[in-house]
PDB file of N, CA and C in Angstrom:
ATOM      1  N   UNK A   1       0.816  -6.527  -7.487  1.00  0.00           N
ATOM      2  CA  UNK A   1       0.015  -7.482  -6.749  1.00  0.00           C
ATOM      3  C   UNK A   1       0.752  -8.823  -6.713  1.00  0.00           C
ATOM      4  N   UNK A   2       0.957  -9.321  -5.519  1.00  0.00           N
ATOM      5  CA  UNK A   2       1.641 -10.598  -5.409  1.00  0.00           C
ATOM      6  C   UNK A   2       0.657 -11.740  -5.592  1.00  0.00           C
ATOM      7  N   UNK A   3       1.147 -12.867  -6.025  1.00  0.00           N
ATOM      8  CA  UNK A   3       0.301 -14.048  -6.209  1.00  0.00           C
ATOM      9  C   UNK A   3       0.172 -14.765  -4.878  1.00  0.00           C
ATOM     10  N   UNK A   4      -0.677 -14.203  -4.008  1.00  0.00           N
ATOM     11  CA  UNK A   4      -0.823 -14.750  -2.676  1.00  0.00           C
ATOM     12  C   UNK A   4      -2.254 -14.550  -2.211  1.00  0.00           C
ATOM     13  N   UNK A   5      -2.824 -15.588  -1.591  1.00  0.00           N
ATOM     14  CA  UNK A   5      -4.171 -15.498  -1.046  1.00  0.00           C
ATOM     15  C   UNK A   5      -4.110 -14.679   0.242  1.00  0.00           C
ATOM     16  N   UNK A   6      -5.019 -13.705   0.384  1.00  0.00           N
ATOM     17  CA  UNK A   6      -5.002 -12.841   1.555  1.00  0.00           C
ATOM     18  C   UNK A   6      -5.653 -13.497   2.771  1.00  0.00           C
ATOM     19  N   UNK A   7      -6.263 -14.664   2.595  1.00  0.00           N
ATOM     20  CA  UNK A   7      -6.898 -15.346   3.717  1.00  0.00           C
ATOM     21  C   UNK A   7      -6.018 -16.475   4.250  1.00  0.00           C
ATOM     22  N   UNK A   8      -5.643 -17.399   3.394  1.00  0.00           N
ATOM     23  CA  UNK A   8      -4.876 -18.555   3.869  1.00  0.00           C
ATOM     24  C   UNK A   8      -3.371 -18.420   3.640  1.00  0.00           C
ATOM     25  N   UNK A   9      -2.946 -17.464   2.797  1.00  0.00           N
ATOM     26  CA  UNK A   9      -1.519 -17.264   2.561  1.00  0.00           C
ATOM     27  C   UNK A   9      -0.924 -18.182   1.507  1.00  0.00           C
ATOM     28  N   UNK A  10      -1.772 -18.868   0.754  1.00  0.00           N
ATOM     29  CA  UNK A  10      -1.266 -19.758  -0.303  1.00  0.00           C
ATOM     30  C   UNK A  10      -0.562 -18.920  -1.372  1.00  0.00           C
ATOM     31  N   UNK A  11       0.611 -19.386  -1.819  1.00  0.00           N
ATOM     32  CA  UNK A  11       1.396 -18.615  -2.783  1.00  0.00           C
ATOM     33  C   UNK A  11       2.063 -19.545  -3.783  1.00  0.00           C
ATOM     34  N   UNK A  12       2.795 -18.964  -4.728  1.00  0.00           N
ATOM     35  CA  UNK A  12       3.489 -19.737  -5.753  1.00  0.00           C
ATOM     36  C   UNK A  12       4.617 -20.545  -5.126  1.00  0.00           C
ATOM     37  N   UNK A  13       4.680 -21.827  -5.487  1.00  0.00           N
ATOM     38  CA  UNK A  13       5.758 -22.680  -5.003  1.00  0.00           C
ATOM     39  C   UNK A  13       6.503 -23.274  -6.191  1.00  0.00           C
ATOM     40  N   UNK A  14       7.769 -23.580  -5.999  1.00  0.00           N
ATOM     41  CA  UNK A  14       8.602 -24.127  -7.066  1.00  0.00           C
ATOM     42  C   UNK A  14       8.558 -25.648  -7.015  1.00  0.00           C
ATOM     43  N   UNK A  15       8.700 -26.247  -8.165  1.00  0.00           N
ATOM     44  CA  UNK A  15       8.712 -27.697  -8.248  1.00  0.00           C
ATOM     45  C   UNK A  15       9.457 -28.138  -9.483  1.00  0.00           C
ATOM     46  N   UNK A  16       9.281 -29.381  -9.849  1.00  0.00           N
ATOM     47  CA  UNK A  16       9.964 -29.916 -11.002  1.00  0.00           C
ATOM     48  C   UNK A  16       9.038 -30.684 -11.911  1.00  0.00           C
ATOM     49  N   UNK A  17       9.361 -30.677 -13.194  1.00  0.00           N
ATOM     50  CA  UNK A  17       8.618 -31.429 -14.183  1.00  0.00           C
ATOM     51  C   UNK A  17       9.557 -32.461 -14.795  1.00  0.00           C
ATOM     52  N   UNK A  18       9.099 -33.703 -14.880  1.00  0.00           N
ATOM     53  CA  UNK A  18       9.916 -34.781 -15.429  1.00  0.00           C
ATOM     54  C   UNK A  18       9.400 -35.125 -16.820  1.00  0.00           C
ATOM     55  N   UNK A  19      10.299 -35.139 -17.803  1.00  0.00           N
ATOM     56  CA  UNK A  19       9.954 -35.512 -19.171  1.00  0.00           C
ATOM     57  C   UNK A  19      10.376 -36.954 -19.397  1.00  0.00           C
ATOM     58  N   UNK A  20       9.411 -37.772 -19.808  1.00  0.00           N
ATOM     59  CA  UNK A  20       9.694 -39.195 -20.058  1.00  0.00           C
ATOM     60  C   UNK A  20       9.474 -39.510 -21.526  1.00  0.00           C
ATOM     61  N   UNK A  21      10.179 -40.523 -22.005  1.00  0.00           N
ATOM     62  CA  UNK A  21      10.034 -40.937 -23.391  1.00  0.00           C
ATOM     63  C   UNK A  21      10.117 -42.452 -23.459  1.00  0.00           C
ATOM     64  N   UNK A  22       9.362 -43.028 -24.355  1.00  0.00           N
ATOM     65  CA  UNK A  22       9.391 -44.471 -24.565  1.00  0.00           C
ATOM     66  C   UNK A  22       8.061 -45.111 -24.249  1.00  0.00           C
ATOM     67  N   UNK A  23       7.787 -46.221 -24.877  1.00  0.00           N
ATOM     68  CA  UNK A  23       6.546 -46.965 -24.665  1.00  0.00           C
ATOM     69  C   UNK A  23       6.718 -47.882 -23.453  1.00  0.00           C
ATOM     70  N   UNK A  24       5.707 -47.907 -22.601  1.00  0.00           N
ATOM     71  CA  UNK A  24       5.772 -48.717 -21.389  1.00  0.00           C
ATOM     72  C   UNK A  24       5.895 -50.195 -21.731  1.00  0.00           C
ATOM     73  N   UNK A  25       6.538 -50.952 -20.846  1.00  0.00           N
ATOM     74  CA  UNK A  25       6.751 -52.381 -21.085  1.00  0.00           C
ATOM     75  C   UNK A  25       5.432 -53.138 -21.200  1.00  0.00           C
ATOM     76  N   UNK A  26       4.430 -52.728 -20.398  1.00  0.00           N
ATOM     77  CA  UNK A  26       3.157 -53.455 -20.442  1.00  0.00           C
ATOM     78  C   UNK A  26       2.409 -53.234 -21.755  1.00  0.00           C
ATOM     79  N   UNK A  27       2.841 -52.239 -22.543  1.00  0.00           N
ATOM     80  CA  UNK A  27       2.235 -52.024 -23.857  1.00  0.00           C
ATOM     81  C   UNK A  27       3.135 -52.504 -24.988  1.00  0.00           C
ATOM     82  N   UNK A  28       4.176 -53.282 -24.647  1.00  0.00           N
ATOM     83  CA  UNK A  28       5.024 -53.883 -25.676  1.00  0.00           C
ATOM     84  C   UNK A  28       6.295 -53.125 -25.977  1.00  0.00           C
ATOM     85  N   UNK A  29       6.606 -52.075 -25.214  1.00  0.00           N
ATOM     86  CA  UNK A  29       7.817 -51.306 -25.462  1.00  0.00           C
ATOM     87  C   UNK A  29       8.970 -51.790 -24.606  1.00  0.00           C
ATOM     88  N   UNK A  30      10.050 -51.019 -24.630  1.00  0.00           N
ATOM     89  CA  UNK A  30      11.225 -51.372 -23.839  1.00  0.00           C
ATOM     90  C   UNK A  30      11.258 -50.619 -22.518  1.00  0.00           C
ATOM     91  N   UNK A  31      10.231 -49.828 -22.230  1.00  0.00           N
ATOM     92  CA  UNK A  31      10.149 -49.112 -20.959  1.00  0.00           C
ATOM     93  C   UNK A  31      10.341 -47.619 -21.148  1.00  0.00           C
ATOM     94  N   UNK A  32       9.686 -46.852 -20.285  1.00  0.00           N
ATOM     95  CA  UNK A  32       9.823 -45.391 -20.378  1.00  0.00           C
ATOM     96  C   UNK A  32      11.043 -44.945 -19.599  1.00  0.00           C
ATOM     97  N   UNK A  33      11.737 -43.942 -20.142  1.00  0.00           N
ATOM     98  CA  UNK A  33      12.966 -43.444 -19.534  1.00  0.00           C
ATOM     99  C   UNK A  33      12.820 -41.959 -19.224  1.00  0.00           C
ATOM    100  N   UNK A  34      13.476 -41.509 -18.170  1.00  0.00           N
ATOM    101  CA  UNK A  34      13.477 -40.094 -17.833  1.00  0.00           C
ATOM    102  C   UNK A  34      14.478 -39.391 -18.753  1.00  0.00           C
ATOM    103  N   UNK A  35      14.005 -38.376 -19.468  1.00  0.00           N
ATOM    104  CA  UNK A  35      14.850 -37.657 -20.420  1.00  0.00           C
ATOM    105  C   UNK A  35      15.382 -36.362 -19.818  1.00  0.00           C
ATOM    106  N   UNK A  36      14.524 -35.615 -19.107  1.00  0.00           N
ATOM    107  CA  UNK A  36      14.948 -34.307 -18.597  1.00  0.00           C
ATOM    108  C   UNK A  36      14.167 -33.937 -17.349  1.00  0.00           C
ATOM    109  N   UNK A  37      14.776 -33.087 -16.526  1.00  0.00           N
ATOM    110  CA  UNK A  37      14.126 -32.465 -15.382  1.00  0.00           C
ATOM    111  C   UNK A  37      14.118 -30.966 -15.658  1.00  0.00           C
ATOM    112  N   UNK A  38      12.994 -30.325 -15.466  1.00  0.00           N
ATOM    113  CA  UNK A  38      12.951 -28.881 -15.635  1.00  0.00           C
ATOM    114  C   UNK A  38      12.156 -28.255 -14.494  1.00  0.00           C
ATOM    115  N   UNK A  39      12.520 -27.037 -14.146  1.00  0.00           N
ATOM    116  CA  UNK A  39      11.837 -26.315 -13.074  1.00  0.00           C
ATOM    117  C   UNK A  39      10.506 -25.790 -13.585  1.00  0.00           C
ATOM    118  N   UNK A  40       9.529 -25.705 -12.686  1.00  0.00           N
ATOM    119  CA  UNK A  40       8.242 -25.119 -13.022  1.00  0.00           C
ATOM    120  C   UNK A  40       7.643 -24.504 -11.772  1.00  0.00           C
ATOM    121  N   UNK A  41       6.585 -23.731 -11.957  1.00  0.00           N
ATOM    122  CA  UNK A  41       5.935 -23.044 -10.841  1.00  0.00           C
ATOM    123  C   UNK A  41       4.520 -23.599 -10.666  1.00  0.00           C
ATOM    124  N   UNK A  42       4.159 -23.868  -9.424  1.00  0.00           N
ATOM    125  CA  UNK A  42       2.798 -24.258  -9.076  1.00  0.00           C
ATOM    126  C   UNK A  42       2.113 -23.005  -8.532  1.00  0.00           C
ATOM    127  N   UNK A  43       1.185 -22.446  -9.313  1.00  0.00           N
ATOM    128  CA  UNK A  43       0.533 -21.201  -8.929  1.00  0.00           C
ATOM    129  C   UNK A  43      -0.866 -21.476  -8.393  1.00  0.00           C
ATOM    130  N   UNK A  44      -1.276 -20.763  -7.339  1.00  0.00           N
ATOM    131  CA  UNK A  44      -2.629 -20.951  -6.812  1.00  0.00           C
ATOM    132  C   UNK A  44      -3.669 -20.335  -7.741  1.00  0.00           C
ATOM    133  N   UNK A  45      -4.881 -20.848  -7.686  1.00  0.00           N
ATOM    134  CA  UNK A  45      -5.990 -20.346  -8.494  1.00  0.00           C
ATOM    135  C   UNK A  45      -6.610 -19.163  -7.748  1.00  0.00           C
ATOM    136  N   UNK A  46      -6.179 -17.949  -8.098  1.00  0.00           N
ATOM    137  CA  UNK A  46      -6.588 -16.750  -7.367  1.00  0.00           C
ATOM    138  C   UNK A  46      -7.647 -15.964  -8.123  1.00  0.00           C
ATOM    139  N   UNK A  47      -8.534 -15.313  -7.367  1.00  0.00           N
ATOM    140  CA  UNK A  47      -9.576 -14.456  -7.916  1.00  0.00           C
ATOM    141  C   UNK A  47      -9.628 -13.179  -7.097  1.00  0.00           C
ATOM    142  N   UNK A  48      -9.896 -12.058  -7.784  1.00  0.00           N
ATOM    143  CA  UNK A  48     -10.122 -10.784  -7.081  1.00  0.00           C
ATOM    144  C   UNK A  48     -11.616 -10.636  -6.871  1.00  0.00           C
ATOM    145  N   UNK A  49     -12.031 -10.602  -5.623  1.00  0.00           N
ATOM    146  CA  UNK A  49     -13.447 -10.536  -5.305  1.00  0.00           C
ATOM    147  C   UNK A  49     -13.702  -9.380  -4.335  1.00  0.00           C
ATOM    148  N   UNK A  50     -14.949  -8.904  -4.357  1.00  0.00           N
ATOM    149  CA  UNK A  50     -15.378  -7.910  -3.382  1.00  0.00           C
ATOM    150  C   UNK A  50     -15.824  -8.656  -2.142  1.00  0.00           C
ATOM    151  N   UNK A  51     -15.318  -8.228  -0.995  1.00  0.00           N
ATOM    152  CA  UNK A  51     -15.635  -8.911   0.255  1.00  0.00           C
ATOM    153  C   UNK A  51     -15.787  -7.880   1.369  1.00  0.00           C
ATOM    154  N   UNK A  52     -16.457  -8.299   2.435  1.00  0.00           N
ATOM    155  CA  UNK A  52     -16.614  -7.450   3.608  1.00  0.00           C
ATOM    156  C   UNK A  52     -15.445  -7.722   4.547  1.00  0.00           C
ATOM    157  N   UNK A  53     -14.594  -6.702   4.749  1.00  0.00           N
ATOM    158  CA  UNK A  53     -13.439  -6.819   5.634  1.00  0.00           C
ATOM    159  C   UNK A  53     -13.538  -5.688   6.655  1.00  0.00           C
ATOM    160  N   UNK A  54     -13.669  -6.032   7.927  1.00  0.00           N
ATOM    161  CA  UNK A  54     -13.806  -5.067   9.020  1.00  0.00           C
ATOM    162  C   UNK A  54     -14.972  -4.107   8.793  1.00  0.00           C
ATOM    163  N   UNK A  55     -16.062  -4.624   8.241  1.00  0.00           N
ATOM    164  CA  UNK A  55     -17.258  -3.824   8.040  1.00  0.00           C
ATOM    165  C   UNK A  55     -17.277  -2.977   6.785  1.00  0.00           C
ATOM    166  N   UNK A  56     -16.213  -3.000   5.983  1.00  0.00           N
ATOM    167  CA  UNK A  56     -16.177  -2.222   4.752  1.00  0.00           C
ATOM    168  C   UNK A  56     -16.041  -3.150   3.560  1.00  0.00           C
ATOM    169  N   UNK A  57     -16.590  -2.728   2.416  1.00  0.00           N
ATOM    170  CA  UNK A  57     -16.491  -3.511   1.186  1.00  0.00           C
ATOM    171  C   UNK A  57     -15.179  -3.185   0.487  1.00  0.00           C
ATOM    172  N   UNK A  58     -14.314  -4.187   0.332  1.00  0.00           N
ATOM    173  CA  UNK A  58     -13.031  -3.996  -0.333  1.00  0.00           C
ATOM    174  C   UNK A  58     -12.788  -5.154  -1.289  1.00  0.00           C
ATOM    175  N   UNK A  59     -11.855  -4.929  -2.197  1.00  0.00           N
ATOM    176  CA  UNK A  59     -11.454  -6.002  -3.109  1.00  0.00           C
ATOM    177  C   UNK A  59     -10.239  -6.704  -2.520  1.00  0.00           C
ATOM    178  N   UNK A  60     -10.316  -8.033  -2.479  1.00  0.00           N
ATOM    179  CA  UNK A  60      -9.194  -8.813  -1.964  1.00  0.00           C
ATOM    180  C   UNK A  60      -8.884  -9.936  -2.945  1.00  0.00           C
ATOM    181  N   UNK A  61      -7.660 -10.433  -2.882  1.00  0.00           N
ATOM    182  CA  UNK A  61      -7.229 -11.548  -3.712  1.00  0.00           C
ATOM    183  C   UNK A  61      -7.350 -12.825  -2.895  1.00  0.00           C
ATOM    184  N   UNK A  62      -8.192 -13.742  -3.374  1.00  0.00           N
ATOM    185  CA  UNK A  62      -8.515 -14.944  -2.612  1.00  0.00           C
ATOM    186  C   UNK A  62      -8.395 -16.157  -3.522  1.00  0.00           C
ATOM    187  N   UNK A  63      -7.896 -17.271  -2.971  1.00  0.00           N
ATOM    188  CA  UNK A  63      -7.831 -18.507  -3.743  1.00  0.00           C
ATOM    189  C   UNK A  63      -9.228 -19.139  -3.784  1.00  0.00           C
ATOM    190  N   UNK A  64      -9.484 -19.930  -4.809  1.00  0.00           N
ATOM    191  CA  UNK A  64     -10.809 -20.496  -5.004  1.00  0.00           C
ATOM    192  C   UNK A  64     -11.163 -21.528  -3.939  1.00  0.00           C
ATOM    193  N   UNK A  65     -10.160 -22.133  -3.306  1.00  0.00           N
ATOM    194  CA  UNK A  65     -10.473 -23.089  -2.244  1.00  0.00           C
ATOM    195  C   UNK A  65     -11.038 -22.375  -1.020  1.00  0.00           C
ATOM    196  N   UNK A  66     -10.585 -21.145  -0.745  1.00  0.00           N
ATOM    197  CA  UNK A  66     -11.156 -20.361   0.350  1.00  0.00           C
ATOM    198  C   UNK A  66     -12.563 -19.894   0.007  1.00  0.00           C
ATOM    199  N   UNK A  67     -12.790 -19.538  -1.257  1.00  0.00           N
ATOM    200  CA  UNK A  67     -14.132 -19.146  -1.679  1.00  0.00           C
ATOM    201  C   UNK A  67     -15.113 -20.298  -1.535  1.00  0.00           C
ATOM    202  N   UNK A  68     -14.702 -21.464  -1.953  1.00  0.00           N
ATOM    203  CA  UNK A  68     -15.574 -22.634  -1.905  1.00  0.00           C
ATOM    204  C   UNK A  68     -15.822 -23.083  -0.468  1.00  0.00           C
ATOM    205  N   UNK A  69     -14.853 -22.862   0.418  1.00  0.00           N
ATOM    206  CA  UNK A  69     -15.000 -23.256   1.815  1.00  0.00           C
ATOM    207  C   UNK A  69     -15.849 -22.270   2.605  1.00  0.00           C
ATOM    208  N   UNK A  70     -16.201 -21.128   2.002  1.00  0.00           N
ATOM    209  CA  UNK A  70     -17.041 -20.155   2.673  1.00  0.00           C
ATOM    210  C   UNK A  70     -16.292 -19.261   3.642  1.00  0.00           C
ATOM    211  N   UNK A  71     -15.000 -19.070   3.434  1.00  0.00           N
ATOM    212  CA  UNK A  71     -14.209 -18.222   4.324  1.00  0.00           C
ATOM    213  C   UNK A  71     -14.326 -16.743   3.975  1.00  0.00           C
ATOM    214  N   UNK A  72     -15.011 -16.418   2.865  1.00  0.00           N
ATOM    215  CA  UNK A  72     -15.170 -15.048   2.417  1.00  0.00           C
ATOM    216  C   UNK A  72     -16.635 -14.659   2.540  1.00  0.00           C
ATOM    217  N   UNK A  73     -16.905 -13.512   3.182  1.00  0.00           N
ATOM    218  CA  UNK A  73     -18.273 -13.008   3.239  1.00  0.00           C
ATOM    219  C   UNK A  73     -18.411 -11.916   2.193  1.00  0.00           C
ATOM    220  N   UNK A  74     -19.291 -12.142   1.234  1.00  0.00           N
ATOM    221  CA  UNK A  74     -19.494 -11.186   0.161  1.00  0.00           C
ATOM    222  C   UNK A  74     -20.502 -10.128   0.602  1.00  0.00           C
ATOM    223  N   UNK A  75     -20.398  -8.915   0.056  1.00  0.00           N
ATOM    224  CA  UNK A  75     -21.331  -7.857   0.453  1.00  0.00           C
ATOM    225  C   UNK A  75     -22.740  -8.136  -0.044  1.00  0.00           C
ATOM    226  N   UNK A  76     -23.711  -7.589   0.682  1.00  0.00           N
ATOM    227  CA  UNK A  76     -25.109  -7.765   0.316  1.00  0.00           C
ATOM    228  C   UNK A  76     -25.416  -6.861  -0.864  1.00  0.00           C
ATOM    229  N   UNK A  77     -26.065  -7.426  -1.889  1.00  0.00           N
ATOM    230  CA  UNK A  77     -26.424  -6.638  -3.063  1.00  0.00           C
ATOM    231  C   UNK A  77     -27.624  -5.762  -2.730  1.00  0.00           C
ATOM    232  N   UNK A  78     -27.575  -4.512  -3.195  1.00  0.00           N
ATOM    233  CA  UNK A  78     -28.677  -3.604  -2.919  1.00  0.00           C
ATOM    234  C   UNK A  78     -29.861  -3.933  -3.820  1.00  0.00           C
ATOM    235  N   UNK A  79     -31.054  -3.770  -3.278  1.00  0.00           N
ATOM    236  CA  UNK A  79     -32.278  -4.046  -4.037  1.00  0.00           C
ATOM    237  C   UNK A  79     -33.031  -2.755  -4.327  1.00  0.00           C
ATOM    238  N   UNK A  80     -32.308  -1.638  -4.401  1.00  0.00           N
ATOM    239  CA  UNK A  80     -32.913  -0.346  -4.636  1.00  0.00           C
ATOM    240  C   UNK A  80     -33.369  -0.249  -6.087  1.00  0.00           C
ATOM    241  N   UNK A  81     -34.651   0.112  -6.284  1.00  0.00           N
ATOM    242  CA  UNK A  81     -35.179   0.311  -7.640  1.00  0.00           C
ATOM    243  C   UNK A  81     -35.721   1.719  -7.741  1.00  0.00           C
ATOM    244  N   UNK A  82     -35.356   2.377  -8.820  1.00  0.00           N
ATOM    245  CA  UNK A  82     -35.817   3.735  -9.017  1.00  0.00           C
ATOM    246  C   UNK A  82     -37.150   3.709  -9.759  1.00  0.00           C
ATOM    247  N   UNK A  83     -38.123   4.441  -9.267  1.00  0.00           N
ATOM    248  CA  UNK A  83     -39.431   4.499  -9.908  1.00  0.00           C
ATOM    249  C   UNK A  83     -39.552   5.788 -10.687  1.00  0.00           C
ATOM    250  N   UNK A  84     -40.175   5.706 -11.851  1.00  0.00           N
ATOM    251  CA  UNK A  84     -40.300   6.893 -12.710  1.00  0.00           C
ATOM    252  C   UNK A  84     -41.585   7.633 -12.469  1.00  0.00           C
TER     253      UNK A  84
END
């Protein structure tokens, strides 16, 4: 399973992390300095949910921003009760 939203196509992107050291001048130090650059990954917040796709209930991988925006239609829960 790839780390990709099946609705909007959001996926893992590469970026950088900067490591700084030193007390800031406004707090009485000599200033913060950049010590290192390192690569890192920005991963989307993905969830596997049951959704209605082309009239059938299937599981899809969706980012939480699509869920919150209402781009996913969830299946209707059955209200069937068995009587004894």
